[in-house]
Amino acid sequence: MTDIQLRRFFDFDESDLDANRAGRLSIKQDKRMQEFEKDSSKIFRNIGIGLILLNILIVAGFILNVTGGGFSFSTASRDDLIGMAGMCQ
């Protein structure tokens, strides 16, 4: 790619290049980076919340499965406990 094509692709202008040559970001680049960081943290926060909710649903399903059928640890046979261990894997 030529320099002109690179400038268009990355949306650079002369002030951006001057700031980069001086070892810093231009105001426009800094604003773009802050927006990117803000969007990234929203994405990771939403993924984290989703994973927490998924874990809660899995645990709730396990508890309902175990308690819904009248399961009791005090009356469980060895086979019942082995079956529960298999569900956890």
C-alpha atoms as a PDB file:
ATOM      1  CA  MET A   1       0.000   0.000   0.000  1.00  0.00           C
ATOM      2  CA  THR A   2       1.114   3.526  -0.632  1.00  0.00           C
ATOM      3  CA  ASP A   3       1.395   6.141   2.104  1.00  0.00           C
ATOM      4  CA  ILE A   4      -1.768   7.835   0.878  1.00  0.00           C
ATOM      5  CA  GLN A   5      -3.710   4.565   0.992  1.00  0.00           C
ATOM      6  CA  LEU A   6      -2.416   3.875   4.502  1.00  0.00           C
ATOM      7  CA  ARG A   7      -3.470   7.355   5.657  1.00  0.00           C
ATOM      8  CA  ARG A   8      -6.967   6.820   4.283  1.00  0.00           C
ATOM      9  CA  PHE A   9      -7.226   3.312   5.735  1.00  0.00           C
ATOM     10  CA  PHE A  10      -6.151   4.381   9.246  1.00  0.00           C
ATOM     11  CA  ASP A  11      -7.836   7.808   8.978  1.00  0.00           C
ATOM     12  CA  PHE A  12      -4.564   9.628   9.696  1.00  0.00           C
ATOM     13  CA  ASP A  13      -3.829  13.228   8.868  1.00  0.00           C
ATOM     14  CA  GLU A  14      -0.659  15.277   9.113  1.00  0.00           C
ATOM     15  CA  SER A  15      -1.289  16.288  12.742  1.00  0.00           C
ATOM     16  CA  ASP A  16      -1.604  12.593  13.695  1.00  0.00           C
ATOM     17  CA  LEU A  17       1.695  11.808  12.004  1.00  0.00           C
ATOM     18  CA  ASP A  18       3.434  14.776  13.648  1.00  0.00           C
ATOM     19  CA  ALA A  19       2.218  13.674  17.081  1.00  0.00           C
ATOM     20  CA  ASN A  20       3.329  10.084  16.413  1.00  0.00           C
ATOM     21  CA  ARG A  21       6.760  11.231  15.299  1.00  0.00           C
ATOM     22  CA  ALA A  22       7.024  13.123  18.593  1.00  0.00           C
ATOM     23  CA  GLY A  23       6.243   9.878  20.442  1.00  0.00           C
ATOM     24  CA  ARG A  24       2.697  10.671  21.527  1.00  0.00           C
ATOM     25  CA  LEU A  25      -0.879  10.209  20.355  1.00  0.00           C
ATOM     26  CA  SER A  26      -2.809  13.000  18.705  1.00  0.00           C
ATOM     27  CA  ILE A  27      -5.995  14.273  20.332  1.00  0.00           C
ATOM     28  CA  LYS A  28      -8.078  12.398  17.753  1.00  0.00           C
ATOM     29  CA  GLN A  29      -6.139   9.152  18.320  1.00  0.00           C
ATOM     30  CA  ASP A  30      -6.368   9.514  22.103  1.00  0.00           C
ATOM     31  CA  LYS A  31     -10.140  10.019  21.887  1.00  0.00           C
ATOM     32  CA  ARG A  32     -10.463   6.959  19.639  1.00  0.00           C
ATOM     33  CA  MET A  33      -8.408   4.853  22.089  1.00  0.00           C
ATOM     34  CA  GLN A  34     -10.565   5.958  25.042  1.00  0.00           C
ATOM     35  CA  GLU A  35     -13.734   5.013  23.141  1.00  0.00           C
ATOM     36  CA  PHE A  36     -12.218   1.620  22.290  1.00  0.00           C
ATOM     37  CA  GLU A  37     -11.289   0.987  25.937  1.00  0.00           C
ATOM     38  CA  LYS A  38     -14.771   2.029  27.087  1.00  0.00           C
ATOM     39  CA  ASP A  39     -16.432  -0.307  24.583  1.00  0.00           C
ATOM     40  CA  SER A  40     -14.073  -3.157  25.501  1.00  0.00           C
ATOM     41  CA  SER A  41     -14.821  -2.849  29.204  1.00  0.00           C
ATOM     42  CA  LYS A  42     -18.561  -2.931  28.496  1.00  0.00           C
ATOM     43  CA  ILE A  43     -18.132  -6.110  26.455  1.00  0.00           C
ATOM     44  CA  PHE A  44     -16.039  -7.864  29.118  1.00  0.00           C
ATOM     45  CA  ARG A  45     -18.411  -6.728  31.891  1.00  0.00           C
ATOM     46  CA  ASN A  46     -21.381  -8.156  29.990  1.00  0.00           C
ATOM     47  CA  ILE A  47     -19.526 -11.423  29.350  1.00  0.00           C
ATOM     48  CA  GLY A  48     -18.679 -11.648  33.058  1.00  0.00           C
ATOM     49  CA  ILE A  49     -22.274 -11.008  34.097  1.00  0.00           C
ATOM     50  CA  GLY A  50     -23.454 -13.609  31.588  1.00  0.00           C
ATOM     51  CA  LEU A  51     -21.045 -16.218  32.940  1.00  0.00           C
ATOM     52  CA  ILE A  52     -22.117 -15.513  36.513  1.00  0.00           C
ATOM     53  CA  LEU A  53     -25.786 -15.877  35.553  1.00  0.00           C
ATOM     54  CA  LEU A  54     -25.024 -19.095  33.679  1.00  0.00           C
ATOM     55  CA  ASN A  55     -23.308 -20.522  36.766  1.00  0.00           C
ATOM     56  CA  ILE A  56     -26.261 -19.527  38.941  1.00  0.00           C
ATOM     57  CA  LEU A  57     -28.645 -21.281  36.544  1.00  0.00           C
ATOM     58  CA  ILE A  58     -26.501 -24.425  36.491  1.00  0.00           C
ATOM     59  CA  VAL A  59     -26.317 -24.558  40.292  1.00  0.00           C
ATOM     60  CA  ALA A  60     -30.053 -23.826  40.618  1.00  0.00           C
ATOM     61  CA  GLY A  61     -30.826 -26.575  38.104  1.00  0.00           C
ATOM     62  CA  PHE A  62     -28.642 -29.005  39.990  1.00  0.00           C
ATOM     63  CA  ILE A  63     -30.294 -28.125  43.296  1.00  0.00           C
ATOM     64  CA  LEU A  64     -33.792 -28.433  41.821  1.00  0.00           C
ATOM     65  CA  ASN A  65     -32.861 -31.727  40.198  1.00  0.00           C
ATOM     66  CA  VAL A  66     -31.560 -33.121  43.468  1.00  0.00           C
ATOM     67  CA  THR A  67     -34.279 -31.758  45.760  1.00  0.00           C
ATOM     68  CA  GLY A  68     -37.221 -31.921  43.349  1.00  0.00           C
ATOM     69  CA  GLY A  69     -37.384 -35.708  43.380  1.00  0.00           C
ATOM     70  CA  GLY A  70     -37.270 -35.919  47.153  1.00  0.00           C
ATOM     71  CA  PHE A  71     -33.565 -36.748  47.206  1.00  0.00           C
ATOM     72  CA  SER A  72     -32.018 -36.881  50.656  1.00  0.00           C
ATOM     73  CA  PHE A  73     -28.378 -37.422  51.477  1.00  0.00           C
ATOM     74  CA  SER A  74     -29.362 -39.359  54.573  1.00  0.00           C
ATOM     75  CA  THR A  75     -31.351 -41.944  52.572  1.00  0.00           C
ATOM     76  CA  ALA A  76     -29.246 -41.940  49.401  1.00  0.00           C
ATOM     77  CA  SER A  77     -27.720 -45.175  48.250  1.00  0.00           C
ATOM     78  CA  ARG A  78     -24.184 -45.492  46.953  1.00  0.00           C
ATOM     79  CA  ASP A  79     -25.512 -45.569  43.370  1.00  0.00           C
ATOM     80  CA  ASP A  80     -27.419 -42.303  43.916  1.00  0.00           C
ATOM     81  CA  LEU A  81     -24.276 -40.552  45.091  1.00  0.00           C
ATOM     82  CA  ILE A  82     -22.222 -41.943  42.191  1.00  0.00           C
ATOM     83  CA  GLY A  83     -24.914 -40.700  39.810  1.00  0.00           C
ATOM     84  CA  MET A  84     -24.729 -37.234  41.350  1.00  0.00           C
ATOM     85  CA  ALA A  85     -20.964 -37.203  41.002  1.00  0.00           C
ATOM     86  CA  GLY A  86     -21.403 -38.036  37.323  1.00  0.00           C
ATOM     87  CA  MET A  87     -23.765 -35.065  36.877  1.00  0.00           C
ATOM     88  CA  CYS A  88     -21.117 -32.688  38.200  1.00  0.00           C
ATOM     89  CA  GLN A  89     -18.573 -33.580  35.549  1.00  0.00           C
END
